[in-house]
Protein backbone atom coordinates (compact mmCIF):
# COMPACT_ATOMS: atom_id res chain seq x y z
CA MET A 1 -50.00 61.87 50.40
CA ILE A 2 -50.97 58.78 52.37
CA ALA A 3 -54.66 59.16 51.55
CA LEU A 4 -53.77 59.54 47.87
CA ARG A 5 -51.66 56.37 47.95
CA ASN A 6 -54.40 54.47 49.81
CA SER A 7 -56.95 55.57 47.23
CA ARG A 8 -54.66 54.52 44.37
CA LEU A 9 -54.00 51.22 46.11
CA ARG A 10 -57.72 50.48 46.46
CA ALA A 11 -58.30 51.23 42.78
CA LEU A 12 -55.38 49.06 41.67
CA SER A 13 -56.45 46.21 43.95
CA CYS A 14 -59.97 46.34 42.55
CA GLU A 15 -58.61 46.27 39.00
CA LEU A 16 -56.31 43.37 39.87
CA ASN A 17 -59.22 41.43 41.34
CA GLU A 18 -61.21 41.99 38.15
CA LEU A 19 -58.32 40.77 35.99
CA ILE A 20 -57.89 37.70 38.18
CA ALA A 21 -61.57 36.82 38.03
CA GLN A 22 -61.65 37.34 34.27
CA ALA A 23 -58.60 35.15 33.73
CA ILE A 24 -60.11 32.30 35.72
CA CYS A 25 -63.39 32.71 33.85
CA ASP A 26 -61.40 32.40 30.61
CA GLY A 27 -59.91 29.11 31.73
CA VAL A 28 -56.50 30.14 33.08
CA LYS A 29 -55.46 27.80 35.88
CA VAL A 30 -55.66 29.11 39.45
CA ALA A 31 -52.03 28.16 40.11
CA ALA A 32 -50.83 30.17 37.10
CA VAL A 33 -52.86 33.22 38.17
CA ALA A 34 -51.59 32.89 41.76
CA LEU A 35 -48.02 32.73 40.51
CA ALA A 36 -48.45 35.78 38.26
CA SER A 37 -50.21 37.83 40.92
CA GLY A 38 -48.08 36.78 43.87
CA LEU A 39 -51.21 35.90 45.83
CA PRO A 40 -52.02 32.62 47.57
CA THR A 41 -54.26 30.28 45.61
CA ALA A 42 -56.94 30.58 48.30
CA SER A 43 -57.08 34.35 47.74
CA VAL A 44 -57.38 33.84 44.00
CA ARG A 45 -60.26 31.41 44.50
CA THR A 46 -62.01 33.81 46.88
CA THR A 47 -61.65 36.63 44.36
CA VAL A 48 -63.26 34.50 41.68
CA LEU A 49 -66.16 33.47 43.92
CA ALA A 50 -67.01 37.13 44.47
CA ARG A 51 -67.66 37.65 40.75
CA ASP A 52 -70.39 35.78 38.91
CA ASP A 53 -71.20 38.20 36.11
CA LEU A 54 -68.25 37.50 33.81
CA PHE A 55 -68.18 36.21 30.26
CA PRO A 56 -65.19 34.95 28.28
CA SER A 57 -63.06 37.86 27.08
CA GLY A 58 -61.25 36.24 24.20
CA GLN A 59 -57.82 37.38 25.43
CA SER A 60 -54.98 34.92 25.30
CA ARG A 61 -53.84 33.32 28.55
CA THR A 62 -50.34 34.68 28.09
CA GLU A 63 -51.63 38.23 27.71
CA GLN A 64 -53.86 37.91 30.75
CA LEU A 65 -51.03 36.57 32.91
CA ARG A 66 -48.74 39.35 31.69
CA CYS A 67 -51.35 41.99 32.60
CA ILE A 68 -51.91 40.41 36.02
CA ALA A 69 -48.17 40.31 36.75
CA ALA A 70 -47.71 43.94 35.66
CA LEU A 71 -50.61 45.14 37.78
CA ALA A 72 -49.46 43.10 40.79
CA ALA A 73 -46.02 44.72 40.47
CA GLU A 74 -47.65 48.16 40.38
CA VAL A 75 -49.69 47.31 43.50
CA ALA A 76 -46.49 46.25 45.28
CA GLU A 77 -44.75 49.47 44.24
CA VAL A 78 -47.59 51.68 45.49
CA GLU A 79 -47.65 49.73 48.78
CA SER A 80 -43.91 50.25 49.27
CA VAL A 81 -44.20 54.00 48.55
CA ARG A 82 -47.11 54.28 50.98
CA ASP A 83 -45.16 52.39 53.65
CA ALA A 84 -42.15 54.67 53.14
CA ILE A 85 -44.35 57.75 53.51
CA GLU A 86 -45.91 56.34 56.69
CA ARG A 87 -42.45 55.61 58.14
CA LYS A 88 -41.30 59.15 57.33
CA ARG A 89 -44.45 60.58 58.92
CA THR A 90 -43.78 58.56 62.07
CA GLU A 91 -40.18 59.79 62.19
CA VAL A 92 -41.25 63.41 61.77
CA LEU A 93 -43.92 63.08 64.45
CA ALA A 94 -41.44 61.43 66.82
CA LEU A 95 -38.87 64.15 66.22
CA ALA A 96 -41.43 66.91 66.76
CA ARG A 97 -42.71 65.21 69.90
CA LYS A 98 -39.22 64.64 71.27
CA SER A 99 -38.11 68.22 70.59
CA GLY A 100 -41.22 69.59 72.30
CA LEU A 101 -42.13 71.82 69.37
CA LEU A 102 -45.74 70.72 69.64
CA ASP A 103 -47.69 68.70 72.16
CA ASP A 104 -49.63 65.58 71.19
CA TYR A 105 -52.86 67.50 70.62
CA GLN A 106 -51.19 70.02 68.31
CA LEU A 107 -49.46 67.19 66.42
CA ALA A 108 -52.81 65.44 66.12
CA CYS A 109 -54.39 68.55 64.63
CA ALA A 110 -51.50 69.04 62.21
CA SER A 111 -51.37 65.41 61.10
CA GLY A 112 -55.04 64.50 61.06
CA LEU A 113 -54.46 61.70 63.56
CA LYS A 114 -55.81 61.27 67.08
CA HIS A 115 -53.53 62.27 69.94
CA ASP A 116 -53.44 58.73 71.35
CA GLU A 117 -52.41 57.43 67.89
CA ILE A 118 -49.50 59.87 67.94
CA ARG A 119 -48.34 58.44 71.27
CA LYS A 120 -48.67 54.84 70.06
CA MET A 121 -46.91 55.51 66.76
CA THR A 122 -43.99 57.33 68.29
CA ARG A 123 -43.57 55.34 71.50
CA GLY A 124 -40.51 53.32 70.46
CA ILE A 125 -39.11 55.90 68.09
CA SER A 126 -39.01 59.00 70.28
CA SER A 127 -35.72 58.05 71.93
CA ARG A 128 -33.94 57.22 68.65
CA ASN A 129 -32.50 59.64 66.17
CA PRO A 130 -34.40 59.19 62.88
CA GLY A 131 -31.98 59.05 60.08
């Protein structure tokens, strides 16, 4: 699940960067794009500098800003889902480690993580009751 969310997040971020660069190429102000995307203006400028192969698209500024805002909201939603899944995974690992069902090496094999990552992730959580 986490790998799927990370993959989706990378694809959405790439698409958002393309929309941002295209909007700036079409003459939309950096401040307006930053506001619509929720990104700092420096990040917007950096995104634009990475793309030099763009031509004017002919889309209206309003439409471009609407698309950027919608995609930025989708990116934020996918990030929050991924974070929730990672928190749940940490809770489950901590509970399994605390109960002694599996040792760190078995948990590592089951989760796809390294055994030392399991210890680090669950260090502060193992004494609490995940709820």
